[in-house]
Amino acid sequence: MHVHGERRYSHGQRKLAAIEASRGSFDGAVAAIERITGVCIGKRQVEALAVQAAVDFDA
Protein backbone atom coordinates (compact mmCIF):
# COMPACT_ATOMS: atom_id res chain seq x y z
CA MET A 1 0.00 0.00 0.00
CA HIS A 2 1.43 3.33 -1.04
CA VAL A 3 0.78 6.18 1.37
CA HIS A 4 0.80 9.64 -0.22
CA GLY A 5 4.20 11.24 0.29
CA GLU A 6 5.79 8.08 1.66
CA ARG A 7 8.46 7.87 -1.03
CA ARG A 8 8.90 11.57 -1.53
CA TYR A 9 10.75 12.06 1.75
CA SER A 10 13.42 9.92 3.35
CA HIS A 11 12.79 8.01 6.56
CA GLY A 12 14.96 10.54 8.40
CA GLN A 13 12.96 13.47 7.06
CA ARG A 14 9.65 11.80 8.00
CA LYS A 15 10.98 11.03 11.48
CA LEU A 16 12.27 14.58 11.95
CA ALA A 17 8.92 16.02 10.80
CA ALA A 18 7.09 13.92 13.39
CA ILE A 19 9.50 14.82 16.19
CA GLU A 20 9.56 18.54 15.45
CA ALA A 21 5.77 18.75 14.95
CA SER A 22 5.24 17.13 18.33
CA ARG A 23 7.41 19.79 19.98
CA GLY A 24 5.25 22.73 18.99
CA SER A 25 3.80 24.38 15.93
CA PHE A 26 3.98 23.15 12.37
CA ASP A 27 5.61 26.44 11.38
CA GLY A 28 8.31 25.74 13.95
CA ALA A 29 8.71 22.23 12.58
CA VAL A 30 9.15 23.56 9.04
CA ALA A 31 11.82 26.00 10.23
CA ALA A 32 13.64 23.35 12.27
CA ILE A 33 13.68 20.85 9.40
CA GLU A 34 15.10 23.46 7.04
CA ARG A 35 17.68 24.57 9.61
CA ILE A 36 18.80 20.99 10.37
CA THR A 37 18.71 19.46 6.89
CA GLY A 38 18.77 22.38 4.48
CA VAL A 39 15.64 20.93 2.84
CA CYS A 40 12.50 23.03 2.66
CA ILE A 41 9.36 20.98 3.27
CA GLY A 42 6.03 22.77 3.08
CA LYS A 43 3.80 23.18 6.11
CA ARG A 44 1.04 20.99 4.66
CA GLN A 45 3.56 18.27 3.89
CA VAL A 46 4.88 18.40 7.47
CA GLU A 47 1.31 18.16 8.75
CA ALA A 48 0.68 15.12 6.53
CA LEU A 49 3.91 13.45 7.62
CA ALA A 50 3.04 13.99 11.28
CA VAL A 51 -0.42 12.46 10.74
CA GLN A 52 1.13 9.46 8.96
CA ALA A 53 3.56 8.98 11.85
CA ALA A 54 0.70 9.07 14.35
CA VAL A 55 -1.24 6.46 12.39
CA ASP A 56 1.79 4.14 12.41
CA PHE A 57 2.16 4.40 16.18
CA ASP A 58 0.79 1.55 18.28
CA ALA A 59 -0.73 2.86 21.49
C-alpha atoms as a PDB file:
ATOM      1  CA  MET A   1       0.000   0.000   0.000  1.00  0.00           C
ATOM      2  CA  HIS A   2       1.433   3.329  -1.043  1.00  0.00           C
ATOM      3  CA  VAL A   3       0.783   6.177   1.365  1.00  0.00           C
ATOM      4  CA  HIS A   4       0.798   9.637  -0.215  1.00  0.00           C
ATOM      5  CA  GLY A   5       4.199  11.237   0.291  1.00  0.00           C
ATOM      6  CA  GLU A   6       5.795   8.077   1.658  1.00  0.00           C
ATOM      7  CA  ARG A   7       8.458   7.872  -1.031  1.00  0.00           C
ATOM      8  CA  ARG A   8       8.899  11.569  -1.528  1.00  0.00           C
ATOM      9  CA  TYR A   9      10.754  12.055   1.747  1.00  0.00           C
ATOM     10  CA  SER A  10      13.424   9.915   3.351  1.00  0.00           C
ATOM     11  CA  HIS A  11      12.791   8.014   6.560  1.00  0.00           C
ATOM     12  CA  GLY A  12      14.958  10.542   8.397  1.00  0.00           C
ATOM     13  CA  GLN A  13      12.959  13.473   7.059  1.00  0.00           C
ATOM     14  CA  ARG A  14       9.655  11.805   7.997  1.00  0.00           C
ATOM     15  CA  LYS A  15      10.976  11.034  11.476  1.00  0.00           C
ATOM     16  CA  LEU A  16      12.269  14.584  11.946  1.00  0.00           C
ATOM     17  CA  ALA A  17       8.917  16.017  10.802  1.00  0.00           C
ATOM     18  CA  ALA A  18       7.087  13.920  13.393  1.00  0.00           C
ATOM     19  CA  ILE A  19       9.499  14.822  16.191  1.00  0.00           C
ATOM     20  CA  GLU A  20       9.555  18.544  15.446  1.00  0.00           C
ATOM     21  CA  ALA A  21       5.774  18.752  14.946  1.00  0.00           C
ATOM     22  CA  SER A  22       5.235  17.135  18.329  1.00  0.00           C
ATOM     23  CA  ARG A  23       7.413  19.786  19.982  1.00  0.00           C
ATOM     24  CA  GLY A  24       5.249  22.730  18.991  1.00  0.00           C
ATOM     25  CA  SER A  25       3.805  24.383  15.926  1.00  0.00           C
ATOM     26  CA  PHE A  26       3.980  23.146  12.368  1.00  0.00           C
ATOM     27  CA  ASP A  27       5.611  26.444  11.379  1.00  0.00           C
ATOM     28  CA  GLY A  28       8.314  25.739  13.948  1.00  0.00           C
ATOM     29  CA  ALA A  29       8.712  22.225  12.582  1.00  0.00           C
ATOM     30  CA  VAL A  30       9.153  23.561   9.042  1.00  0.00           C
ATOM     31  CA  ALA A  31      11.822  26.000  10.230  1.00  0.00           C
ATOM     32  CA  ALA A  32      13.644  23.345  12.274  1.00  0.00           C
ATOM     33  CA  ILE A  33      13.685  20.855   9.399  1.00  0.00           C
ATOM     34  CA  GLU A  34      15.098  23.462   7.040  1.00  0.00           C
ATOM     35  CA  ARG A  35      17.681  24.571   9.613  1.00  0.00           C
ATOM     36  CA  ILE A  36      18.796  20.994  10.374  1.00  0.00           C
ATOM     37  CA  THR A  37      18.706  19.458   6.886  1.00  0.00           C
ATOM     38  CA  GLY A  38      18.769  22.379   4.477  1.00  0.00           C
ATOM     39  CA  VAL A  39      15.639  20.933   2.836  1.00  0.00           C
ATOM     40  CA  CYS A  40      12.496  23.033   2.659  1.00  0.00           C
ATOM     41  CA  ILE A  41       9.356  20.978   3.274  1.00  0.00           C
ATOM     42  CA  GLY A  42       6.027  22.765   3.077  1.00  0.00           C
ATOM     43  CA  LYS A  43       3.804  23.183   6.107  1.00  0.00           C
ATOM     44  CA  ARG A  44       1.041  20.993   4.658  1.00  0.00           C
ATOM     45  CA  GLN A  45       3.560  18.275   3.891  1.00  0.00           C
ATOM     46  CA  VAL A  46       4.884  18.401   7.465  1.00  0.00           C
ATOM     47  CA  GLU A  47       1.306  18.158   8.751  1.00  0.00           C
ATOM     48  CA  ALA A  48       0.677  15.116   6.531  1.00  0.00           C
ATOM     49  CA  LEU A  49       3.915  13.446   7.615  1.00  0.00           C
ATOM     50  CA  ALA A  50       3.035  13.988  11.276  1.00  0.00           C
ATOM     51  CA  VAL A  51      -0.417  12.459  10.735  1.00  0.00           C
ATOM     52  CA  GLN A  52       1.126   9.456   8.962  1.00  0.00           C
ATOM     53  CA  ALA A  53       3.560   8.980  11.851  1.00  0.00           C
ATOM     54  CA  ALA A  54       0.697   9.073  14.347  1.00  0.00           C
ATOM     55  CA  VAL A  55      -1.236   6.462  12.394  1.00  0.00           C
ATOM     56  CA  ASP A  56       1.794   4.137  12.414  1.00  0.00           C
ATOM     57  CA  PHE A  57       2.164   4.399  16.181  1.00  0.00           C
ATOM     58  CA  ASP A  58       0.793   1.547  18.283  1.00  0.00           C
ATOM     59  CA  ALA A  59      -0.734   2.863  21.492  1.00  0.00           C
END
